[in-house]
Amino acid sequence: MPDNRPRFHILAVGWDHPAWQGSFYPDDLPQDWRLTYYANEVPGVLLPQTLWCKADEAQVESWIDDVEEGFRFYLALEGGGGACAPAAVANLLGEYLGGIVVDSVTQTARTGEIPCFTLATKGQPLSEAVSPAYRLAAESLGNLRAQRALLESLAGKVPEGADVLLFIEGDRMDMAVLKDLRQLAQLLGLA
C-alpha cells in the first residue's frame, strides 16, 4: 500500500538570526559563513522580501556558492511585491529556486488560525493543492505535544501525498525549536 501521508519540509525564514549566535552558530564563525553552516543542517530557506529585493547578481551568486546542490531558496512575495518583482532573482537562482511564497489577500486562505500561503513553482500555476506553505512564529509552537497536535492537524487538512512547506520565523527563534520540529515530523512519518 502506498504511503499517502503528506511530507513536511520544515525550514526557517532567513538564516541570520541574532539568537543563533553562540547557540547554533559558533561564536567565532564569520557572518559570511552563516549560510553555508545553516545549509549543512537545513535543506532550504525562505528569503524575506526585504532581503531578496535588494540582492544584486553578485549577492545571489554568492548565496548559490554557499550551498550544496539540492538546497532550495524560496522567495517571500509579501503584499503583492510592490516595487520588487521576483522574476530577476528567480532567474538568477535557477535550479536553486524552490518557489515563490505568495502572501496577499486574494491568494491567502486561512486554515484555523494558521495562514496558508500559495506556492508558485516553475511550470505550475498558483495552487494550494500543489504545495501548501505555512509561516509560523517559533514562539507559537509550544511544547512537543502542541507541536505534534499541530503537525497532525495540518496533515489532516492538506491533500494526500502533498509536499507541505512549514517556515518557522520569529525574533527570538531558537534553532533547537526548528530541529525538534523536524525530528518530530520524522518520527511521525511526515518528513
N, C-alpha and C. Protein backbone atom coordinates (compact mmCIF):
# COMPACT_ATOMS: atom_id res chain seq x y z
N MET A 1 0.85 -1.18 0.00
CA MET A 1 0.00 0.00 0.00
C MET A 1 0.89 1.24 0.00
N PRO A 2 0.64 2.19 -0.91
CA PRO A 2 1.47 3.39 -0.97
C PRO A 2 1.26 4.29 0.25
N ASP A 3 2.30 5.01 0.61
CA ASP A 3 2.23 5.94 1.72
C ASP A 3 1.74 7.28 1.18
N ASN A 4 0.52 7.65 1.52
CA ASN A 4 -0.08 8.88 1.02
C ASN A 4 -0.03 10.02 2.02
N ARG A 5 0.76 9.83 3.09
CA ARG A 5 0.86 10.90 4.08
C ARG A 5 1.58 12.10 3.44
N PRO A 6 1.23 13.31 3.87
CA PRO A 6 1.95 14.48 3.38
C PRO A 6 3.39 14.45 3.90
N ARG A 7 4.27 15.15 3.22
CA ARG A 7 5.67 15.26 3.62
C ARG A 7 5.94 16.71 4.00
N PHE A 8 6.33 16.93 5.24
CA PHE A 8 6.61 18.27 5.73
C PHE A 8 8.07 18.61 5.52
N HIS A 9 8.31 19.78 4.95
CA HIS A 9 9.64 20.33 4.79
C HIS A 9 9.69 21.54 5.72
N ILE A 10 10.42 21.40 6.81
CA ILE A 10 10.43 22.41 7.86
C ILE A 10 11.71 23.23 7.74
N LEU A 11 11.53 24.50 7.41
CA LEU A 11 12.63 25.40 7.09
C LEU A 11 12.50 26.69 7.89
N ALA A 12 13.52 27.49 7.88
CA ALA A 12 13.48 28.78 8.58
C ALA A 12 13.22 29.91 7.61
N VAL A 13 12.74 31.00 8.15
CA VAL A 13 12.66 32.26 7.40
C VAL A 13 13.97 32.98 7.70
N GLY A 14 14.84 33.04 6.71
CA GLY A 14 16.15 33.64 6.89
C GLY A 14 17.10 32.72 7.65
N TRP A 15 18.38 33.05 7.59
CA TRP A 15 19.38 32.23 8.28
C TRP A 15 20.25 33.05 9.23
N ASP A 16 20.04 34.33 9.28
CA ASP A 16 20.90 35.18 10.09
C ASP A 16 20.12 35.75 11.26
N HIS A 17 19.95 34.93 12.29
CA HIS A 17 19.18 35.33 13.47
C HIS A 17 20.12 35.58 14.64
N PRO A 18 20.02 36.73 15.29
CA PRO A 18 20.90 37.03 16.43
C PRO A 18 20.85 35.95 17.52
N ALA A 19 19.69 35.35 17.74
CA ALA A 19 19.56 34.33 18.78
C ALA A 19 20.37 33.07 18.47
N TRP A 20 20.76 32.89 17.22
CA TRP A 20 21.53 31.70 16.85
C TRP A 20 23.01 31.86 17.12
N GLN A 21 23.49 33.10 17.28
CA GLN A 21 24.91 33.32 17.53
C GLN A 21 25.26 32.77 18.91
N GLY A 22 26.18 31.83 18.95
CA GLY A 22 26.59 31.22 20.20
C GLY A 22 25.78 29.99 20.58
N SER A 23 24.53 29.89 20.09
CA SER A 23 23.73 28.70 20.38
C SER A 23 23.73 27.73 19.20
N PHE A 24 23.61 28.25 17.99
CA PHE A 24 23.68 27.42 16.80
C PHE A 24 24.99 27.70 16.06
N TYR A 25 25.23 28.96 15.78
CA TYR A 25 26.48 29.33 15.13
C TYR A 25 27.57 29.46 16.19
N PRO A 26 28.75 28.88 15.93
CA PRO A 26 29.86 29.08 16.88
C PRO A 26 30.19 30.58 16.99
N ASP A 27 30.63 30.98 18.17
CA ASP A 27 30.93 32.40 18.41
C ASP A 27 31.93 32.97 17.42
N ASP A 28 32.88 32.14 16.98
CA ASP A 28 33.93 32.64 16.10
C ASP A 28 33.63 32.46 14.61
N LEU A 29 32.41 32.03 14.28
CA LEU A 29 32.04 31.83 12.87
C LEU A 29 31.82 33.18 12.20
N PRO A 30 32.55 33.48 11.12
CA PRO A 30 32.34 34.74 10.42
C PRO A 30 30.91 34.83 9.87
N GLN A 31 30.38 36.03 9.86
CA GLN A 31 29.00 36.23 9.42
C GLN A 31 28.79 35.73 7.99
N ASP A 32 29.77 35.89 7.11
CA ASP A 32 29.57 35.48 5.73
C ASP A 32 29.67 33.96 5.55
N TRP A 33 29.89 33.19 6.61
CA TRP A 33 29.88 31.73 6.54
C TRP A 33 28.57 31.15 7.09
N ARG A 34 27.70 32.00 7.59
CA ARG A 34 26.49 31.50 8.25
C ARG A 34 25.56 30.74 7.31
N LEU A 35 25.38 31.20 6.07
CA LEU A 35 24.50 30.48 5.15
C LEU A 35 25.02 29.07 4.90
N THR A 36 26.32 28.92 4.69
CA THR A 36 26.89 27.59 4.47
C THR A 36 26.66 26.70 5.69
N TYR A 37 26.88 27.24 6.86
CA TYR A 37 26.68 26.48 8.10
C TYR A 37 25.22 26.06 8.23
N TYR A 38 24.31 26.99 7.99
CA TYR A 38 22.87 26.70 8.04
C TYR A 38 22.50 25.62 7.02
N ALA A 39 23.02 25.76 5.80
CA ALA A 39 22.66 24.83 4.72
C ALA A 39 23.16 23.42 4.97
N ASN A 40 24.12 23.24 5.86
CA ASN A 40 24.56 21.90 6.22
C ASN A 40 23.55 21.20 7.13
N GLU A 41 22.66 21.96 7.75
CA GLU A 41 21.66 21.41 8.67
C GLU A 41 20.26 21.36 8.08
N VAL A 42 19.93 22.34 7.25
CA VAL A 42 18.57 22.51 6.75
C VAL A 42 18.62 22.65 5.22
N PRO A 43 17.71 21.96 4.49
CA PRO A 43 17.82 21.94 3.03
C PRO A 43 17.19 23.10 2.27
N GLY A 44 16.76 24.14 2.97
CA GLY A 44 16.16 25.27 2.27
C GLY A 44 15.90 26.42 3.22
N VAL A 45 15.51 27.56 2.64
CA VAL A 45 15.25 28.75 3.45
C VAL A 45 14.26 29.64 2.70
N LEU A 46 13.41 30.32 3.46
CA LEU A 46 12.52 31.33 2.89
C LEU A 46 13.21 32.68 3.03
N LEU A 47 13.45 33.34 1.91
CA LEU A 47 14.08 34.66 1.92
C LEU A 47 13.00 35.73 2.06
N PRO A 48 13.06 36.53 3.12
CA PRO A 48 12.10 37.63 3.23
C PRO A 48 12.27 38.59 2.06
N GLN A 49 11.20 39.23 1.69
CA GLN A 49 11.24 40.15 0.56
C GLN A 49 12.26 41.26 0.78
N THR A 50 12.41 41.72 2.02
CA THR A 50 13.37 42.78 2.29
C THR A 50 14.80 42.35 1.98
N LEU A 51 15.08 41.06 1.99
CA LEU A 51 16.42 40.55 1.70
C LEU A 51 16.64 40.34 0.20
N TRP A 52 15.73 39.60 -0.46
CA TRP A 52 15.96 39.30 -1.88
C TRP A 52 15.71 40.51 -2.77
N CYS A 53 14.87 41.43 -2.32
CA CYS A 53 14.52 42.59 -3.15
C CYS A 53 15.73 43.47 -3.44
N LYS A 54 16.66 43.55 -2.49
CA LYS A 54 17.83 44.40 -2.70
C LYS A 54 19.07 43.61 -3.15
N ALA A 55 18.90 42.32 -3.42
CA ALA A 55 20.04 41.49 -3.84
C ALA A 55 20.37 41.74 -5.31
N ASP A 56 21.65 41.91 -5.56
CA ASP A 56 22.10 42.04 -6.95
C ASP A 56 22.65 40.69 -7.42
N GLU A 57 23.09 40.65 -8.66
CA GLU A 57 23.57 39.40 -9.24
C GLU A 57 24.72 38.80 -8.43
N ALA A 58 25.65 39.62 -7.99
CA ALA A 58 26.79 39.13 -7.21
C ALA A 58 26.33 38.51 -5.89
N GLN A 59 25.32 39.12 -5.26
CA GLN A 59 24.81 38.60 -3.99
C GLN A 59 24.16 37.24 -4.19
N VAL A 60 23.33 37.12 -5.21
CA VAL A 60 22.64 35.85 -5.49
C VAL A 60 23.66 34.76 -5.83
N GLU A 61 24.67 35.11 -6.63
CA GLU A 61 25.72 34.13 -6.95
C GLU A 61 26.46 33.70 -5.69
N SER A 62 26.67 34.61 -4.77
CA SER A 62 27.32 34.28 -3.50
C SER A 62 26.47 33.29 -2.70
N TRP A 63 25.14 33.52 -2.67
CA TRP A 63 24.26 32.59 -1.97
C TRP A 63 24.38 31.19 -2.57
N ILE A 64 24.34 31.12 -3.90
CA ILE A 64 24.42 29.82 -4.58
C ILE A 64 25.75 29.14 -4.28
N ASP A 65 26.83 29.91 -4.29
CA ASP A 65 28.15 29.35 -3.99
C ASP A 65 28.25 28.82 -2.57
N ASP A 66 27.43 29.34 -1.66
CA ASP A 66 27.49 28.96 -0.25
C ASP A 66 26.71 27.69 0.09
N VAL A 67 25.96 27.15 -0.86
CA VAL A 67 25.13 25.98 -0.57
C VAL A 67 25.46 24.83 -1.52
N GLU A 68 25.05 23.64 -1.12
CA GLU A 68 25.25 22.45 -1.94
C GLU A 68 24.08 22.28 -2.92
N GLU A 69 24.30 21.48 -3.93
CA GLU A 69 23.24 21.14 -4.87
C GLU A 69 22.09 20.50 -4.09
N GLY A 70 20.88 20.85 -4.42
CA GLY A 70 19.72 20.32 -3.72
C GLY A 70 19.14 21.30 -2.71
N PHE A 71 19.91 22.28 -2.28
CA PHE A 71 19.40 23.31 -1.38
C PHE A 71 18.43 24.17 -2.17
N ARG A 72 17.35 24.64 -1.53
CA ARG A 72 16.36 25.46 -2.22
C ARG A 72 16.11 26.77 -1.49
N PHE A 73 16.04 27.83 -2.29
CA PHE A 73 15.66 29.15 -1.81
C PHE A 73 14.22 29.40 -2.20
N TYR A 74 13.42 29.88 -1.27
CA TYR A 74 12.04 30.27 -1.53
C TYR A 74 11.97 31.78 -1.33
N LEU A 75 11.30 32.46 -2.22
CA LEU A 75 11.17 33.91 -2.14
C LEU A 75 9.81 34.28 -1.57
N ALA A 76 9.79 35.06 -0.51
CA ALA A 76 8.53 35.54 0.06
C ALA A 76 8.09 36.76 -0.75
N LEU A 77 6.90 36.70 -1.29
CA LEU A 77 6.32 37.83 -2.02
C LEU A 77 5.20 38.36 -1.15
N GLU A 78 5.48 39.46 -0.47
CA GLU A 78 4.56 39.97 0.54
C GLU A 78 3.79 41.17 0.01
N GLY A 79 2.48 41.13 0.18
CA GLY A 79 1.63 42.25 -0.22
C GLY A 79 1.68 42.57 -1.69
N GLY A 80 1.86 41.57 -2.53
CA GLY A 80 1.88 41.78 -3.97
C GLY A 80 3.23 42.18 -4.53
N GLY A 81 4.21 42.40 -3.66
CA GLY A 81 5.56 42.67 -4.13
C GLY A 81 5.94 44.13 -4.20
N GLY A 82 4.96 45.01 -4.39
CA GLY A 82 5.28 46.43 -4.51
C GLY A 82 6.21 46.68 -5.68
N ALA A 83 7.30 47.39 -5.43
CA ALA A 83 8.26 47.72 -6.48
C ALA A 83 9.20 46.56 -6.80
N CYS A 84 9.15 45.50 -6.01
CA CYS A 84 10.06 44.37 -6.21
C CYS A 84 9.36 43.26 -7.00
N ALA A 85 9.95 42.90 -8.11
CA ALA A 85 9.44 41.77 -8.88
C ALA A 85 10.42 40.62 -8.71
N PRO A 86 9.93 39.43 -8.38
CA PRO A 86 10.83 38.32 -8.09
C PRO A 86 11.46 37.67 -9.32
N ALA A 87 11.02 38.02 -10.52
CA ALA A 87 11.48 37.33 -11.72
C ALA A 87 13.00 37.38 -11.89
N ALA A 88 13.61 38.53 -11.66
CA ALA A 88 15.06 38.65 -11.87
C ALA A 88 15.82 37.75 -10.90
N VAL A 89 15.46 37.79 -9.61
CA VAL A 89 16.14 36.96 -8.61
C VAL A 89 15.82 35.49 -8.87
N ALA A 90 14.58 35.19 -9.22
CA ALA A 90 14.20 33.80 -9.51
C ALA A 90 15.03 33.25 -10.67
N ASN A 91 15.22 34.04 -11.69
CA ASN A 91 16.03 33.60 -12.84
C ASN A 91 17.47 33.39 -12.45
N LEU A 92 18.01 34.27 -11.60
CA LEU A 92 19.39 34.13 -11.15
C LEU A 92 19.57 32.87 -10.30
N LEU A 93 18.56 32.54 -9.48
CA LEU A 93 18.64 31.35 -8.64
C LEU A 93 18.58 30.06 -9.46
N GLY A 94 17.89 30.11 -10.59
CA GLY A 94 17.80 28.94 -11.46
C GLY A 94 17.28 27.71 -10.73
N GLU A 95 18.02 26.62 -10.80
CA GLU A 95 17.58 25.36 -10.20
C GLU A 95 17.57 25.41 -8.67
N TYR A 96 18.15 26.43 -8.06
CA TYR A 96 18.15 26.57 -6.61
C TYR A 96 16.87 27.23 -6.10
N LEU A 97 16.03 27.70 -7.01
CA LEU A 97 14.74 28.28 -6.63
C LEU A 97 13.75 27.18 -6.31
N GLY A 98 13.24 27.19 -5.08
CA GLY A 98 12.21 26.23 -4.69
C GLY A 98 10.83 26.71 -5.08
N GLY A 99 10.63 28.01 -5.07
CA GLY A 99 9.34 28.58 -5.42
C GLY A 99 9.18 29.97 -4.82
N ILE A 100 8.05 30.57 -5.10
CA ILE A 100 7.72 31.89 -4.58
C ILE A 100 6.51 31.72 -3.68
N VAL A 101 6.64 32.14 -2.44
CA VAL A 101 5.56 32.02 -1.47
C VAL A 101 4.78 33.32 -1.50
N VAL A 102 3.57 33.25 -2.02
CA VAL A 102 2.75 34.43 -2.25
C VAL A 102 1.88 34.72 -1.03
N ASP A 103 2.01 35.93 -0.51
CA ASP A 103 1.24 36.40 0.64
C ASP A 103 0.43 37.61 0.20
N SER A 104 -0.83 37.38 -0.12
CA SER A 104 -1.69 38.50 -0.47
C SER A 104 -3.12 38.17 -0.08
N VAL A 105 -3.94 39.17 0.02
CA VAL A 105 -5.32 38.97 0.44
C VAL A 105 -6.04 38.01 -0.50
N THR A 106 -5.81 38.14 -1.79
CA THR A 106 -6.52 37.30 -2.74
C THR A 106 -5.95 35.89 -2.83
N GLN A 107 -4.68 35.70 -2.46
CA GLN A 107 -4.06 34.40 -2.61
C GLN A 107 -3.92 33.62 -1.30
N THR A 108 -4.31 34.20 -0.17
CA THR A 108 -4.13 33.55 1.12
C THR A 108 -5.45 32.98 1.63
N ALA A 109 -5.42 31.73 1.99
CA ALA A 109 -6.57 31.09 2.64
C ALA A 109 -6.20 30.87 4.10
N ARG A 110 -7.16 30.75 4.95
CA ARG A 110 -6.89 30.53 6.37
C ARG A 110 -7.32 29.12 6.76
N THR A 111 -6.43 28.45 7.46
CA THR A 111 -6.72 27.12 7.99
C THR A 111 -6.70 27.27 9.50
N GLY A 112 -7.86 27.41 10.10
CA GLY A 112 -7.90 27.70 11.52
C GLY A 112 -7.26 29.05 11.75
N GLU A 113 -6.26 29.10 12.62
CA GLU A 113 -5.55 30.33 12.90
C GLU A 113 -4.24 30.43 12.14
N ILE A 114 -3.94 29.44 11.32
CA ILE A 114 -2.65 29.40 10.63
C ILE A 114 -2.81 29.87 9.20
N PRO A 115 -2.10 30.95 8.81
CA PRO A 115 -2.21 31.39 7.42
C PRO A 115 -1.58 30.39 6.46
N CYS A 116 -2.32 30.04 5.43
CA CYS A 116 -1.82 29.13 4.40
C CYS A 116 -1.53 29.96 3.16
N PHE A 117 -0.29 29.91 2.71
CA PHE A 117 0.13 30.71 1.57
C PHE A 117 0.14 29.87 0.31
N THR A 118 0.10 30.54 -0.79
CA THR A 118 0.15 29.88 -2.09
C THR A 118 1.60 29.79 -2.52
N LEU A 119 1.97 28.66 -3.07
CA LEU A 119 3.33 28.48 -3.57
C LEU A 119 3.32 28.43 -5.07
N ALA A 120 4.07 29.32 -5.68
CA ALA A 120 4.22 29.32 -7.14
C ALA A 120 5.54 28.63 -7.46
N THR A 121 5.49 27.63 -8.30
CA THR A 121 6.71 26.93 -8.70
C THR A 121 6.81 26.94 -10.22
N LYS A 122 8.00 26.67 -10.71
CA LYS A 122 8.20 26.67 -12.16
C LYS A 122 7.31 25.62 -12.82
N GLY A 123 6.63 26.02 -13.86
CA GLY A 123 5.83 25.09 -14.64
C GLY A 123 4.50 24.71 -14.03
N GLN A 124 4.16 25.30 -12.88
CA GLN A 124 2.88 25.00 -12.25
C GLN A 124 2.17 26.31 -11.92
N PRO A 125 0.84 26.32 -12.08
CA PRO A 125 0.09 27.52 -11.71
C PRO A 125 0.03 27.67 -10.20
N LEU A 126 -0.36 28.85 -9.74
CA LEU A 126 -0.58 29.05 -8.32
C LEU A 126 -1.63 28.06 -7.85
N SER A 127 -1.29 27.28 -6.85
CA SER A 127 -2.23 26.29 -6.38
C SER A 127 -1.88 25.85 -4.97
N GLU A 128 -2.82 25.94 -4.06
CA GLU A 128 -2.60 25.43 -2.71
C GLU A 128 -2.56 23.92 -2.71
N ALA A 129 -3.17 23.28 -3.70
CA ALA A 129 -3.19 21.83 -3.76
C ALA A 129 -1.82 21.26 -4.11
N VAL A 130 -0.98 22.04 -4.78
CA VAL A 130 0.33 21.55 -5.19
C VAL A 130 1.25 21.45 -3.97
N SER A 131 1.52 22.53 -3.31
CA SER A 131 2.37 22.56 -2.12
C SER A 131 1.91 23.66 -1.19
N PRO A 132 1.12 23.31 -0.20
CA PRO A 132 0.73 24.34 0.76
C PRO A 132 1.95 24.84 1.51
N ALA A 133 1.98 26.11 1.84
CA ALA A 133 3.08 26.70 2.59
C ALA A 133 2.51 27.46 3.78
N TYR A 134 3.13 27.26 4.93
CA TYR A 134 2.68 27.90 6.16
C TYR A 134 3.85 28.63 6.79
N ARG A 135 3.56 29.78 7.39
CA ARG A 135 4.57 30.52 8.16
C ARG A 135 4.10 30.56 9.59
N LEU A 136 4.94 30.07 10.50
CA LEU A 136 4.58 30.01 11.91
C LEU A 136 5.64 30.68 12.76
N ALA A 137 5.21 31.45 13.75
CA ALA A 137 6.14 32.05 14.70
C ALA A 137 6.63 30.95 15.63
N ALA A 138 7.94 30.89 15.83
CA ALA A 138 8.53 29.89 16.71
C ALA A 138 7.92 29.96 18.10
N GLU A 139 7.62 31.17 18.54
CA GLU A 139 7.07 31.36 19.88
C GLU A 139 5.68 30.72 20.03
N SER A 140 4.98 30.50 18.92
CA SER A 140 3.62 29.94 18.98
C SER A 140 3.60 28.42 18.96
N LEU A 141 4.75 27.79 18.79
CA LEU A 141 4.76 26.34 18.62
C LEU A 141 4.51 25.56 19.90
N GLY A 142 4.84 26.12 21.05
CA GLY A 142 4.58 25.44 22.31
C GLY A 142 5.50 24.24 22.52
N ASN A 143 5.05 23.33 23.38
CA ASN A 143 5.85 22.15 23.71
C ASN A 143 5.70 21.06 22.65
N LEU A 144 6.35 19.93 22.85
CA LEU A 144 6.32 18.86 21.86
C LEU A 144 4.91 18.32 21.63
N ARG A 145 4.10 18.26 22.67
CA ARG A 145 2.71 17.79 22.49
C ARG A 145 1.93 18.74 21.57
N ALA A 146 2.10 20.03 21.80
CA ALA A 146 1.43 21.02 20.96
C ALA A 146 1.95 20.95 19.52
N GLN A 147 3.25 20.72 19.36
CA GLN A 147 3.82 20.59 18.03
C GLN A 147 3.28 19.35 17.31
N ARG A 148 3.15 18.26 18.06
CA ARG A 148 2.59 17.04 17.46
C ARG A 148 1.15 17.29 17.01
N ALA A 149 0.37 17.94 17.86
CA ALA A 149 -1.02 18.25 17.51
C ALA A 149 -1.08 19.13 16.28
N LEU A 150 -0.18 20.10 16.19
CA LEU A 150 -0.12 21.00 15.04
C LEU A 150 0.17 20.20 13.76
N LEU A 151 1.21 19.37 13.78
CA LEU A 151 1.58 18.58 12.60
C LEU A 151 0.45 17.65 12.18
N GLU A 152 -0.16 16.98 13.14
CA GLU A 152 -1.26 16.06 12.82
C GLU A 152 -2.47 16.80 12.28
N SER A 153 -2.75 17.98 12.85
CA SER A 153 -3.86 18.78 12.36
C SER A 153 -3.64 19.23 10.92
N LEU A 154 -2.44 19.74 10.65
CA LEU A 154 -2.13 20.18 9.29
C LEU A 154 -2.13 19.00 8.32
N ALA A 155 -1.60 17.87 8.75
CA ALA A 155 -1.56 16.68 7.89
C ALA A 155 -2.97 16.26 7.48
N GLY A 156 -3.94 16.48 8.36
CA GLY A 156 -5.32 16.12 8.04
C GLY A 156 -6.02 17.12 7.14
N LYS A 157 -5.43 18.29 6.93
CA LYS A 157 -6.08 19.34 6.15
C LYS A 157 -5.50 19.54 4.77
N VAL A 158 -4.40 18.88 4.47
CA VAL A 158 -3.75 19.06 3.17
C VAL A 158 -4.01 17.84 2.30
N PRO A 159 -3.87 17.97 0.99
CA PRO A 159 -4.10 16.83 0.10
C PRO A 159 -3.17 15.66 0.40
N GLU A 160 -3.65 14.45 0.18
CA GLU A 160 -2.83 13.27 0.39
C GLU A 160 -1.56 13.36 -0.45
N GLY A 161 -0.46 12.97 0.15
CA GLY A 161 0.81 12.94 -0.56
C GLY A 161 1.41 14.30 -0.87
N ALA A 162 0.82 15.38 -0.35
CA ALA A 162 1.31 16.73 -0.64
C ALA A 162 2.66 16.98 0.01
N ASP A 163 3.47 17.79 -0.64
CA ASP A 163 4.67 18.34 -0.02
C ASP A 163 4.25 19.63 0.67
N VAL A 164 4.43 19.69 1.97
CA VAL A 164 3.98 20.83 2.77
C VAL A 164 5.21 21.59 3.26
N LEU A 165 5.25 22.87 2.97
CA LEU A 165 6.34 23.72 3.44
C LEU A 165 5.91 24.41 4.72
N LEU A 166 6.73 24.26 5.74
CA LEU A 166 6.45 24.88 7.02
C LEU A 166 7.64 25.77 7.36
N PHE A 167 7.45 27.09 7.26
CA PHE A 167 8.52 28.04 7.50
C PHE A 167 8.38 28.60 8.91
N ILE A 168 9.44 28.47 9.71
CA ILE A 168 9.43 28.94 11.08
C ILE A 168 10.16 30.29 11.14
N GLU A 169 9.54 31.23 11.82
CA GLU A 169 10.10 32.58 11.91
C GLU A 169 9.97 33.11 13.33
N GLY A 170 10.60 34.22 13.58
CA GLY A 170 10.47 34.88 14.88
C GLY A 170 11.74 35.57 15.29
N ASP A 171 11.59 36.64 16.05
CA ASP A 171 12.74 37.42 16.51
C ASP A 171 13.62 36.63 17.46
N ARG A 172 13.01 35.78 18.26
CA ARG A 172 13.76 35.01 19.24
C ARG A 172 13.83 33.53 18.87
N MET A 173 13.74 33.24 17.58
CA MET A 173 13.72 31.86 17.15
C MET A 173 15.01 31.15 17.54
N ASP A 174 14.86 29.98 18.14
CA ASP A 174 15.98 29.15 18.54
C ASP A 174 16.08 28.00 17.54
N MET A 175 17.27 27.73 17.03
CA MET A 175 17.44 26.64 16.07
C MET A 175 17.02 25.31 16.68
N ALA A 176 17.10 25.16 18.00
CA ALA A 176 16.68 23.92 18.64
C ALA A 176 15.20 23.64 18.39
N VAL A 177 14.38 24.69 18.34
CA VAL A 177 12.95 24.52 18.05
C VAL A 177 12.77 23.96 16.65
N LEU A 178 13.50 24.50 15.70
CA LEU A 178 13.42 24.03 14.31
C LEU A 178 13.86 22.57 14.22
N LYS A 179 14.97 22.24 14.87
CA LYS A 179 15.47 20.86 14.86
C LYS A 179 14.48 19.90 15.51
N ASP A 180 13.91 20.30 16.66
CA ASP A 180 12.94 19.44 17.35
C ASP A 180 11.72 19.18 16.50
N LEU A 181 11.22 20.21 15.84
CA LEU A 181 10.04 20.06 15.00
C LEU A 181 10.33 19.17 13.80
N ARG A 182 11.51 19.31 13.21
CA ARG A 182 11.90 18.44 12.09
C ARG A 182 12.01 16.99 12.55
N GLN A 183 12.61 16.77 13.72
CA GLN A 183 12.74 15.41 14.23
C GLN A 183 11.37 14.82 14.56
N LEU A 184 10.49 15.60 15.14
CA LEU A 184 9.15 15.12 15.45
C LEU A 184 8.41 14.74 14.17
N ALA A 185 8.51 15.54 13.13
CA ALA A 185 7.88 15.20 11.86
C ALA A 185 8.43 13.88 11.31
N GLN A 186 9.72 13.66 11.48
CA GLN A 186 10.32 12.39 11.03
C GLN A 186 9.76 11.22 11.83
N LEU A 187 9.66 11.37 13.13
CA LEU A 187 9.14 10.30 13.99
C LEU A 187 7.68 9.97 13.64
N LEU A 188 6.93 10.98 13.23
CA LEU A 188 5.52 10.77 12.86
C LEU A 188 5.37 10.28 11.42
N GLY A 189 6.47 10.12 10.72
CA GLY A 189 6.42 9.68 9.32
C GLY A 189 5.95 10.77 8.39
N LEU A 190 6.16 12.02 8.78
CA LEU A 190 5.69 13.15 7.97
C LEU A 190 6.83 13.96 7.38
N ALA A 191 8.03 13.42 7.41
CA ALA A 191 9.17 14.14 6.83
C ALA A 191 10.06 13.17 6.07
